Amino acid sequence: MRDGAFHLVALTKDECLLTGKHENKIDTDWKGFAIAWERIRDRLGEDSRSLGRGFAIAWERIRDRLREDSRSLERGFAIAWERIRDHLELRKIFYLMGL
């Protein structure tokens, strides 16, 4: 699941999550990134520990790429979260269906 979690983050590449570039650029500091991460972690809760770990690894890769560029990733994280939530809902449905 760890690789799957990073893949879901990578899916947002069309929003340039990994490069930190967005159409609507909003400057923030690293505190903004930390707040976005905390919100995602809080939403994940106990639903999937491995998914949370995958996010932590993805976050490290994103932070390494950004280095000095601290443009907002909150929008990118929100998009990634929506995709993960949808993925978790599908898993729940498949589980209930016995697939």
PDB file of N, CA and C in Angstrom:
ATOM      1  N   MET A   1       0.827  -1.201   0.000  1.00  0.00           N
ATOM      2  CA  MET A   1       0.000   0.000   0.000  1.00  0.00           C
ATOM      3  C   MET A   1       0.863   1.254   0.000  1.00  0.00           C
ATOM      4  N   ARG A   2       2.074   1.147   0.565  1.00  0.00           N
ATOM      5  CA  ARG A   2       2.947   2.318   0.620  1.00  0.00           C
ATOM      6  C   ARG A   2       3.207   2.870  -0.779  1.00  0.00           C
ATOM      7  N   ASP A   3       3.559   1.997  -1.709  1.00  0.00           N
ATOM      8  CA  ASP A   3       3.797   2.447  -3.072  1.00  0.00           C
ATOM      9  C   ASP A   3       2.528   2.991  -3.693  1.00  0.00           C
ATOM     10  N   GLY A   4       1.392   2.380  -3.360  1.00  0.00           N
ATOM     11  CA  GLY A   4       0.110   2.869  -3.858  1.00  0.00           C
ATOM     12  C   GLY A   4      -0.180   4.269  -3.378  1.00  0.00           C
ATOM     13  N   ALA A   5       0.166   4.551  -2.128  1.00  0.00           N
ATOM     14  CA  ALA A   5      -0.072   5.889  -1.589  1.00  0.00           C
ATOM     15  C   ALA A   5       0.766   6.915  -2.327  1.00  0.00           C
ATOM     16  N   PHE A   6       2.038   6.574  -2.602  1.00  0.00           N
ATOM     17  CA  PHE A   6       2.869   7.524  -3.337  1.00  0.00           C
ATOM     18  C   PHE A   6       2.347   7.682  -4.751  1.00  0.00           C
ATOM     19  N   HIS A   7       1.879   6.600  -5.342  1.00  0.00           N
ATOM     20  CA  HIS A   7       1.320   6.674  -6.695  1.00  0.00           C
ATOM     21  C   HIS A   7       0.130   7.630  -6.730  1.00  0.00           C
ATOM     22  N   LEU A   8      -0.710   7.576  -5.700  1.00  0.00           N
ATOM     23  CA  LEU A   8      -1.851   8.489  -5.662  1.00  0.00           C
ATOM     24  C   LEU A   8      -1.392   9.940  -5.587  1.00  0.00           C
ATOM     25  N   VAL A   9      -0.334  10.184  -4.845  1.00  0.00           N
ATOM     26  CA  VAL A   9       0.213  11.539  -4.805  1.00  0.00           C
ATOM     27  C   VAL A   9       0.786  11.895  -6.164  1.00  0.00           C
ATOM     28  N   ALA A  10       1.472  10.950  -6.781  1.00  0.00           N
ATOM     29  CA  ALA A  10       2.070  11.209  -8.090  1.00  0.00           C
ATOM     30  C   ALA A  10       1.009  11.493  -9.142  1.00  0.00           C
ATOM     31  N   LEU A  11      -0.194  10.966  -8.963  1.00  0.00           N
ATOM     32  CA  LEU A  11      -1.262  11.236  -9.916  1.00  0.00           C
ATOM     33  C   LEU A  11      -1.600  12.709 -10.012  1.00  0.00           C
ATOM     34  N   THR A  12      -1.255  13.458  -8.987  1.00  0.00           N
ATOM     35  CA  THR A  12      -1.547  14.889  -9.010  1.00  0.00           C
ATOM     36  C   THR A  12      -0.474  15.672  -9.756  1.00  0.00           C
ATOM     37  N   LYS A  13       0.417  14.961 -10.441  1.00  0.00           N
ATOM     38  CA  LYS A  13       1.506  15.638 -11.146  1.00  0.00           C
ATOM     39  C   LYS A  13       0.970  16.632 -12.173  1.00  0.00           C
ATOM     40  N   ASP A  14      -0.219  16.340 -12.741  1.00  0.00           N
ATOM     41  CA  ASP A  14      -0.799  17.293 -13.685  1.00  0.00           C
ATOM     42  C   ASP A  14      -1.112  18.613 -12.992  1.00  0.00           C
ATOM     43  N   GLU A  15      -1.263  18.616 -11.663  1.00  0.00           N
ATOM     44  CA  GLU A  15      -1.399  19.860 -10.912  1.00  0.00           C
ATOM     45  C   GLU A  15      -0.023  20.324 -10.436  1.00  0.00           C
ATOM     46  N   CYS A  16       1.024  19.620 -10.881  1.00  0.00           N
ATOM     47  CA  CYS A  16       2.421  19.953 -10.563  1.00  0.00           C
ATOM     48  C   CYS A  16       2.702  19.898  -9.074  1.00  0.00           C
ATOM     49  N   LEU A  17       2.144  18.914  -8.396  1.00  0.00           N
ATOM     50  CA  LEU A  17       2.373  18.766  -6.959  1.00  0.00           C
ATOM     51  C   LEU A  17       3.855  18.592  -6.657  1.00  0.00           C
ATOM     52  N   LEU A  18       4.534  17.787  -7.449  1.00  0.00           N
ATOM     53  CA  LEU A  18       5.920  17.470  -7.134  1.00  0.00           C
ATOM     54  C   LEU A  18       6.867  18.619  -7.438  1.00  0.00           C
ATOM     55  N   THR A  19       6.468  19.551  -8.275  1.00  0.00           N
ATOM     56  CA  THR A  19       7.326  20.691  -8.579  1.00  0.00           C
ATOM     57  C   THR A  19       6.932  21.918  -7.784  1.00  0.00           C
ATOM     58  N   GLY A  20       5.789  21.887  -7.128  1.00  0.00           N
ATOM     59  CA  GLY A  20       5.344  23.018  -6.331  1.00  0.00           C
ATOM     60  C   GLY A  20       4.781  24.156  -7.157  1.00  0.00           C
ATOM     61  N   LYS A  21       4.464  23.896  -8.428  1.00  0.00           N
ATOM     62  CA  LYS A  21       3.936  24.952  -9.287  1.00  0.00           C
ATOM     63  C   LYS A  21       2.445  24.739  -9.501  1.00  0.00           C
ATOM     64  N   HIS A  22       1.674  25.792  -9.371  1.00  0.00           N
ATOM     65  CA  HIS A  22       0.234  25.740  -9.550  1.00  0.00           C
ATOM     66  C   HIS A  22      -0.194  26.938 -10.379  1.00  0.00           C
ATOM     67  N   GLU A  23      -1.343  26.831 -11.009  1.00  0.00           N
ATOM     68  CA  GLU A  23      -1.875  27.974 -11.738  1.00  0.00           C
ATOM     69  C   GLU A  23      -2.115  29.136 -10.784  1.00  0.00           C
ATOM     70  N   ASN A  24      -2.741  28.849  -9.671  1.00  0.00           N
ATOM     71  CA  ASN A  24      -2.998  29.878  -8.656  1.00  0.00           C
ATOM     72  C   ASN A  24      -1.948  29.739  -7.566  1.00  0.00           C
ATOM     73  N   LYS A  25      -0.837  30.431  -7.729  1.00  0.00           N
ATOM     74  CA  LYS A  25       0.257  30.300  -6.763  1.00  0.00           C
ATOM     75  C   LYS A  25      -0.044  31.103  -5.506  1.00  0.00           C
ATOM     76  N   ILE A  26       0.128  30.427  -4.372  1.00  0.00           N
ATOM     77  CA  ILE A  26      -0.080  31.071  -3.081  1.00  0.00           C
ATOM     78  C   ILE A  26       1.184  30.828  -2.274  1.00  0.00           C
ATOM     79  N   ASP A  27       1.863  31.895  -1.906  1.00  0.00           N
ATOM     80  CA  ASP A  27       3.086  31.757  -1.118  1.00  0.00           C
ATOM     81  C   ASP A  27       2.743  31.404   0.321  1.00  0.00           C
ATOM     82  N   THR A  28       3.450  30.426   0.853  1.00  0.00           N
ATOM     83  CA  THR A  28       3.311  30.060   2.266  1.00  0.00           C
ATOM     84  C   THR A  28       4.694  29.771   2.803  1.00  0.00           C
ATOM     85  N   ASP A  29       4.792  29.517   4.082  1.00  0.00           N
ATOM     86  CA  ASP A  29       6.052  29.073   4.648  1.00  0.00           C
ATOM     87  C   ASP A  29       5.943  27.583   4.946  1.00  0.00           C
ATOM     88  N   TRP A  30       7.018  27.021   5.512  1.00  0.00           N
ATOM     89  CA  TRP A  30       6.994  25.580   5.775  1.00  0.00           C
ATOM     90  C   TRP A  30       5.910  25.208   6.778  1.00  0.00           C
ATOM     91  N   LYS A  31       5.511  26.179   7.602  1.00  0.00           N
ATOM     92  CA  LYS A  31       4.440  25.906   8.554  1.00  0.00           C
ATOM     93  C   LYS A  31       3.162  25.535   7.804  1.00  0.00           C
ATOM     94  N   GLY A  32       2.928  26.186   6.680  1.00  0.00           N
ATOM     95  CA  GLY A  32       1.758  25.861   5.864  1.00  0.00           C
ATOM     96  C   GLY A  32       1.797  24.432   5.362  1.00  0.00           C
ATOM     97  N   PHE A  33       2.987  23.975   4.971  1.00  0.00           N
ATOM     98  CA  PHE A  33       3.123  22.597   4.523  1.00  0.00           C
ATOM     99  C   PHE A  33       2.831  21.632   5.674  1.00  0.00           C
ATOM    100  N   ALA A  34       3.367  21.973   6.841  1.00  0.00           N
ATOM    101  CA  ALA A  34       3.162  21.120   8.004  1.00  0.00           C
ATOM    102  C   ALA A  34       1.685  21.048   8.377  1.00  0.00           C
ATOM    103  N   ILE A  35       0.992  22.177   8.295  1.00  0.00           N
ATOM    104  CA  ILE A  35      -0.437  22.202   8.609  1.00  0.00           C
ATOM    105  C   ILE A  35      -1.208  21.324   7.621  1.00  0.00           C
ATOM    106  N   ALA A  36      -0.868  21.434   6.326  1.00  0.00           N
ATOM    107  CA  ALA A  36      -1.535  20.607   5.314  1.00  0.00           C
ATOM    108  C   ALA A  36      -1.318  19.131   5.611  1.00  0.00           C
ATOM    109  N   TRP A  37      -0.081  18.761   5.952  1.00  0.00           N
ATOM    110  CA  TRP A  37       0.221  17.369   6.260  1.00  0.00           C
ATOM    111  C   TRP A  37      -0.555  16.902   7.478  1.00  0.00           C
ATOM    112  N   GLU A  38      -0.622  17.735   8.531  1.00  0.00           N
ATOM    113  CA  GLU A  38      -1.356  17.374   9.739  1.00  0.00           C
ATOM    114  C   GLU A  38      -2.832  17.135   9.425  1.00  0.00           C
ATOM    115  N   ARG A  39      -3.409  17.972   8.584  1.00  0.00           N
ATOM    116  CA  ARG A  39      -4.821  17.801   8.220  1.00  0.00           C
ATOM    117  C   ARG A  39      -5.041  16.475   7.516  1.00  0.00           C
ATOM    118  N   ILE A  40      -4.140  16.109   6.609  1.00  0.00           N
ATOM    119  CA  ILE A  40      -4.273  14.831   5.908  1.00  0.00           C
ATOM    120  C   ILE A  40      -4.129  13.685   6.901  1.00  0.00           C
ATOM    121  N   ARG A  41      -3.123  13.762   7.773  1.00  0.00           N
ATOM    122  CA  ARG A  41      -2.899  12.693   8.737  1.00  0.00           C
ATOM    123  C   ARG A  41      -4.088  12.536   9.667  1.00  0.00           C
ATOM    124  N   ASP A  42      -4.659  13.660  10.099  1.00  0.00           N
ATOM    125  CA  ASP A  42      -5.836  13.602  10.965  1.00  0.00           C
ATOM    126  C   ASP A  42      -7.008  12.942  10.250  1.00  0.00           C
ATOM    127  N   ARG A  43      -7.174  13.255   8.976  1.00  0.00           N
ATOM    128  CA  ARG A  43      -8.285  12.659   8.225  1.00  0.00           C
ATOM    129  C   ARG A  43      -8.084  11.178   8.007  1.00  0.00           C
ATOM    130  N   LEU A  44      -6.834  10.749   7.810  1.00  0.00           N
ATOM    131  CA  LEU A  44      -6.563   9.331   7.627  1.00  0.00           C
ATOM    132  C   LEU A  44      -6.868   8.565   8.900  1.00  0.00           C
ATOM    133  N   GLY A  45      -6.543   9.176  10.032  1.00  0.00           N
ATOM    134  CA  GLY A  45      -6.812   8.550  11.319  1.00  0.00           C
ATOM    135  C   GLY A  45      -6.304   7.131  11.384  1.00  0.00           C
ATOM    136  N   GLU A  46      -7.158   6.249  11.846  1.00  0.00           N
ATOM    137  CA  GLU A  46      -6.795   4.846  11.986  1.00  0.00           C
ATOM    138  C   GLU A  46      -7.189   4.032  10.767  1.00  0.00           C
ATOM    139  N   ASP A  47      -7.666   4.713   9.730  1.00  0.00           N
ATOM    140  CA  ASP A  47      -8.174   4.015   8.556  1.00  0.00           C
ATOM    141  C   ASP A  47      -7.114   3.151   7.894  1.00  0.00           C
ATOM    142  N   SER A  48      -5.922   3.670   7.758  1.00  0.00           N
ATOM    143  CA  SER A  48      -4.872   2.893   7.113  1.00  0.00           C
ATOM    144  C   SER A  48      -3.502   3.405   7.534  1.00  0.00           C
ATOM    145  N   ARG A  49      -2.858   2.670   8.404  1.00  0.00           N
ATOM    146  CA  ARG A  49      -1.535   3.093   8.862  1.00  0.00           C
ATOM    147  C   ARG A  49      -0.525   3.048   7.733  1.00  0.00           C
ATOM    148  N   SER A  50      -0.599   2.038   6.876  1.00  0.00           N
ATOM    149  CA  SER A  50       0.360   1.940   5.777  1.00  0.00           C
ATOM    150  C   SER A  50       0.169   3.087   4.787  1.00  0.00           C
ATOM    151  N   LEU A  51      -1.075   3.519   4.613  1.00  0.00           N
ATOM    152  CA  LEU A  51      -1.325   4.653   3.727  1.00  0.00           C
ATOM    153  C   LEU A  51      -0.713   5.915   4.310  1.00  0.00           C
ATOM    154  N   GLY A  52      -0.832   6.083   5.622  1.00  0.00           N
ATOM    155  CA  GLY A  52      -0.203   7.220   6.281  1.00  0.00           C
ATOM    156  C   GLY A  52       1.312   7.192   6.126  1.00  0.00           C
ATOM    157  N   ARG A  53       1.897   5.999   6.236  1.00  0.00           N
ATOM    158  CA  ARG A  53       3.346   5.865   6.055  1.00  0.00           C
ATOM    159  C   ARG A  53       3.734   6.206   4.626  1.00  0.00           C
ATOM    160  N   GLY A  54       2.926   5.775   3.683  1.00  0.00           N
ATOM    161  CA  GLY A  54       3.191   6.103   2.283  1.00  0.00           C
ATOM    162  C   GLY A  54       3.172   7.601   2.059  1.00  0.00           C
ATOM    163  N   PHE A  55       2.240   8.282   2.734  1.00  0.00           N
ATOM    164  CA  PHE A  55       2.178   9.738   2.629  1.00  0.00           C
ATOM    165  C   PHE A  55       3.422  10.372   3.220  1.00  0.00           C
ATOM    166  N   ALA A  56       3.892   9.818   4.344  1.00  0.00           N
ATOM    167  CA  ALA A  56       5.094  10.371   4.969  1.00  0.00           C
ATOM    168  C   ALA A  56       6.282  10.265   4.021  1.00  0.00           C
ATOM    169  N   ILE A  57       6.409   9.141   3.338  1.00  0.00           N
ATOM    170  CA  ILE A  57       7.498   8.958   2.381  1.00  0.00           C
ATOM    171  C   ILE A  57       7.333   9.917   1.206  1.00  0.00           C
ATOM    172  N   ALA A  58       6.108  10.032   0.712  1.00  0.00           N
ATOM    173  CA  ALA A  58       5.837  10.960  -0.391  1.00  0.00           C
ATOM    174  C   ALA A  58       6.169  12.383   0.027  1.00  0.00           C
ATOM    175  N   TRP A  59       5.798  12.740   1.238  1.00  0.00           N
ATOM    176  CA  TRP A  59       6.072  14.091   1.742  1.00  0.00           C
ATOM    177  C   TRP A  59       7.566  14.362   1.756  1.00  0.00           C
ATOM    178  N   GLU A  60       8.364  13.377   2.213  1.00  0.00           N
ATOM    179  CA  GLU A  60       9.814  13.555   2.233  1.00  0.00           C
ATOM    180  C   GLU A  60      10.341  13.807   0.826  1.00  0.00           C
ATOM    181  N   ARG A  61       9.841  13.069  -0.150  1.00  0.00           N
ATOM    182  CA  ARG A  61      10.302  13.252  -1.531  1.00  0.00           C
ATOM    183  C   ARG A  61       9.910  14.626  -2.057  1.00  0.00           C
ATOM    184  N   ILE A  62       8.701  15.052  -1.741  1.00  0.00           N
ATOM    185  CA  ILE A  62       8.239  16.379  -2.183  1.00  0.00           C
ATOM    186  C   ILE A  62       9.101  17.461  -1.542  1.00  0.00           C
ATOM    187  N   ARG A  63       9.332  17.351  -0.249  1.00  0.00           N
ATOM    188  CA  ARG A  63      10.119  18.362   0.459  1.00  0.00           C
ATOM    189  C   ARG A  63      11.541  18.415  -0.084  1.00  0.00           C
ATOM    190  N   ASP A  64      12.119  17.252  -0.379  1.00  0.00           N
ATOM    191  CA  ASP A  64      13.473  17.214  -0.947  1.00  0.00           C
ATOM    192  C   ASP A  64      13.523  17.931  -2.290  1.00  0.00           C
ATOM    193  N   ARG A  65      12.504  17.760  -3.103  1.00  0.00           N
ATOM    194  CA  ARG A  65      12.486  18.415  -4.413  1.00  0.00           C
ATOM    195  C   ARG A  65      12.298  19.910  -4.296  1.00  0.00           C
ATOM    196  N   LEU A  66      11.520  20.337  -3.328  1.00  0.00           N
ATOM    197  CA  LEU A  66      11.221  21.765  -3.213  1.00  0.00           C
ATOM    198  C   LEU A  66      12.387  22.568  -2.658  1.00  0.00           C
ATOM    199  N   ARG A  67      13.071  21.989  -1.682  1.00  0.00           N
ATOM    200  CA  ARG A  67      14.175  22.678  -1.011  1.00  0.00           C
ATOM    201  C   ARG A  67      13.784  24.098  -0.596  1.00  0.00           C
ATOM    202  N   GLU A  68      14.226  25.076  -1.328  1.00  0.00           N
ATOM    203  CA  GLU A  68      14.005  26.472  -0.942  1.00  0.00           C
ATOM    204  C   GLU A  68      12.663  27.014  -1.421  1.00  0.00           C
ATOM    205  N   ASP A  69      12.024  26.314  -2.361  1.00  0.00           N
ATOM    206  CA  ASP A  69      10.761  26.807  -2.916  1.00  0.00           C
ATOM    207  C   ASP A  69       9.635  26.404  -1.982  1.00  0.00           C
ATOM    208  N   SER A  70       9.021  27.384  -1.337  1.00  0.00           N
ATOM    209  CA  SER A  70       7.987  27.062  -0.354  1.00  0.00           C
ATOM    210  C   SER A  70       6.605  27.511  -0.824  1.00  0.00           C
ATOM    211  N   ARG A  71       6.329  27.321  -2.102  1.00  0.00           N
ATOM    212  CA  ARG A  71       5.000  27.665  -2.606  1.00  0.00           C
ATOM    213  C   ARG A  71       3.987  26.656  -2.055  1.00  0.00           C
ATOM    214  N   SER A  72       2.751  27.066  -2.028  1.00  0.00           N
ATOM    215  CA  SER A  72       1.716  26.269  -1.387  1.00  0.00           C
ATOM    216  C   SER A  72       1.508  24.913  -2.049  1.00  0.00           C
ATOM    217  N   LEU A  73       1.534  23.872  -1.231  1.00  0.00           N
ATOM    218  CA  LEU A  73       1.155  22.538  -1.693  1.00  0.00           C
ATOM    219  C   LEU A  73      -0.201  22.160  -1.131  1.00  0.00           C
ATOM    220  N   GLU A  74      -0.801  23.067  -0.365  1.00  0.00           N
ATOM    221  CA  GLU A  74      -2.055  22.719   0.294  1.00  0.00           C
ATOM    222  C   GLU A  74      -3.103  22.296  -0.729  1.00  0.00           C
ATOM    223  N   ARG A  75      -3.191  23.026  -1.858  1.00  0.00           N
ATOM    224  CA  ARG A  75      -4.156  22.661  -2.894  1.00  0.00           C
ATOM    225  C   ARG A  75      -3.834  21.272  -3.457  1.00  0.00           C
ATOM    226  N   GLY A  76      -2.548  21.035  -3.685  1.00  0.00           N
ATOM    227  CA  GLY A  76      -2.132  19.723  -4.189  1.00  0.00           C
ATOM    228  C   GLY A  76      -2.442  18.614  -3.203  1.00  0.00           C
ATOM    229  N   PHE A  77      -2.189  18.873  -1.924  1.00  0.00           N
ATOM    230  CA  PHE A  77      -2.504  17.874  -0.909  1.00  0.00           C
ATOM    231  C   PHE A  77      -4.008  17.633  -0.836  1.00  0.00           C
ATOM    232  N   ALA A  78      -4.787  18.700  -0.983  1.00  0.00           N
ATOM    233  CA  ALA A  78      -6.245  18.539  -0.950  1.00  0.00           C
ATOM    234  C   ALA A  78      -6.705  17.658  -2.102  1.00  0.00           C
ATOM    235  N   ILE A  79      -6.129  17.877  -3.279  1.00  0.00           N
ATOM    236  CA  ILE A  79      -6.481  17.051  -4.446  1.00  0.00           C
ATOM    237  C   ILE A  79      -6.077  15.599  -4.196  1.00  0.00           C
ATOM    238  N   ALA A  80      -4.855  15.419  -3.675  1.00  0.00           N
ATOM    239  CA  ALA A  80      -4.381  14.065  -3.375  1.00  0.00           C
ATOM    240  C   ALA A  80      -5.287  13.394  -2.353  1.00  0.00           C
ATOM    241  N   TRP A  81      -5.700  14.136  -1.328  1.00  0.00           N
ATOM    242  CA  TRP A  81      -6.575  13.577  -0.303  1.00  0.00           C
ATOM    243  C   TRP A  81      -7.894  13.126  -0.910  1.00  0.00           C
ATOM    244  N   GLU A  82      -8.476  13.944  -1.781  1.00  0.00           N
ATOM    245  CA  GLU A  82      -9.747  13.570  -2.411  1.00  0.00           C
ATOM    246  C   GLU A  82      -9.595  12.251  -3.158  1.00  0.00           C
ATOM    247  N   ARG A  83      -8.493  12.092  -3.869  1.00  0.00           N
ATOM    248  CA  ARG A  83      -8.263  10.849  -4.617  1.00  0.00           C
ATOM    249  C   ARG A  83      -8.064   9.668  -3.690  1.00  0.00           C
ATOM    250  N   ILE A  84      -7.351   9.877  -2.589  1.00  0.00           N
ATOM    251  CA  ILE A  84      -7.152   8.793  -1.618  1.00  0.00           C
ATOM    252  C   ILE A  84      -8.469   8.421  -0.961  1.00  0.00           C
ATOM    253  N   ARG A  85      -9.257   9.425  -0.589  1.00  0.00           N
ATOM    254  CA  ARG A  85     -10.551   9.146   0.029  1.00  0.00           C
ATOM    255  C   ARG A  85     -11.424   8.326  -0.919  1.00  0.00           C
ATOM    256  N   ASP A  86     -11.446   8.707  -2.190  1.00  0.00           N
ATOM    257  CA  ASP A  86     -12.205   7.942  -3.176  1.00  0.00           C
ATOM    258  C   ASP A  86     -11.690   6.517  -3.269  1.00  0.00           C
ATOM    259  N   HIS A  87     -10.362   6.372  -3.241  1.00  0.00           N
ATOM    260  CA  HIS A  87      -9.740   5.051  -3.309  1.00  0.00           C
ATOM    261  C   HIS A  87     -10.144   4.198  -2.098  1.00  0.00           C
ATOM    262  N   LEU A  88     -10.128   4.815  -0.906  1.00  0.00           N
ATOM    263  CA  LEU A  88     -10.512   4.082   0.304  1.00  0.00           C
ATOM    264  C   LEU A  88     -11.983   3.678   0.244  1.00  0.00           C
ATOM    265  N   GLU A  89     -12.835   4.567  -0.278  1.00  0.00           N
ATOM    266  CA  GLU A  89     -14.254   4.233  -0.413  1.00  0.00           C
ATOM    267  C   GLU A  89     -14.431   3.047  -1.359  1.00  0.00           C
ATOM    268  N   LEU A  90     -13.673   3.024  -2.465  1.00  0.00           N
ATOM    269  CA  LEU A  90     -13.750   1.902  -3.399  1.00  0.00           C
ATOM    270  C   LEU A  90     -13.291   0.614  -2.732  1.00  0.00           C
ATOM    271  N   ARG A  91     -12.214   0.697  -1.956  1.00  0.00           N
ATOM    272  CA  ARG A  91     -11.736  -0.495  -1.250  1.00  0.00           C
ATOM    273  C   ARG A  91     -12.800  -1.020  -0.304  1.00  0.00           C
ATOM    274  N   LYS A  92     -13.482  -0.105   0.385  1.00  0.00           N
ATOM    275  CA  LYS A  92     -14.529  -0.502   1.321  1.00  0.00           C
ATOM    276  C   LYS A  92     -15.665  -1.206   0.571  1.00  0.00           C
ATOM    277  N   ILE A  93     -16.042  -0.652  -0.568  1.00  0.00           N
ATOM    278  CA  ILE A  93     -17.111  -1.249  -1.382  1.00  0.00           C
ATOM    279  C   ILE A  93     -16.695  -2.635  -1.861  1.00  0.00           C
ATOM    280  N   PHE A  94     -15.445  -2.757  -2.367  1.00  0.00           N
ATOM    281  CA  PHE A  94     -14.960  -4.054  -2.843  1.00  0.00           C
ATOM    282  C   PHE A  94     -14.916  -5.062  -1.706  1.00  0.00           C
ATOM    283  N   TYR A  95     -14.519  -4.601  -0.515  1.00  0.00           N
ATOM    284  CA  TYR A  95     -14.469  -5.480   0.641  1.00  0.00           C
ATOM    285  C   TYR A  95     -15.872  -5.988   0.977  1.00  0.00           C
ATOM    286  N   LEU A  96     -16.836  -5.089   0.991  1.00  0.00           N
ATOM    287  CA  LEU A  96     -18.205  -5.478   1.307  1.00  0.00           C
ATOM    288  C   LEU A  96     -18.780  -6.418   0.254  1.00  0.00           C
ATOM    289  N   MET A  97     -18.304  -6.276  -0.988  1.00  0.00           N
ATOM    290  CA  MET A  97     -18.759  -7.150  -2.070  1.00  0.00           C
ATOM    291  C   MET A  97     -18.005  -8.473  -2.079  1.00  0.00           C
ATOM    292  N   GLY A  98     -16.949  -8.564  -1.237  1.00  0.00           N
ATOM    293  CA  GLY A  98     -16.168  -9.791  -1.181  1.00  0.00           C
ATOM    294  C   GLY A  98     -15.145  -9.911  -2.293  1.00  0.00           C
ATOM    295  N   LEU A  99     -14.774  -8.790  -2.903  1.00  0.00           N
ATOM    296  CA  LEU A  99     -13.789  -8.822  -3.991  1.00  0.00           C
ATOM    297  C   LEU A  99     -12.392  -8.559  -3.470  1.00  0.00           C
TER     298      LEU A  99
END
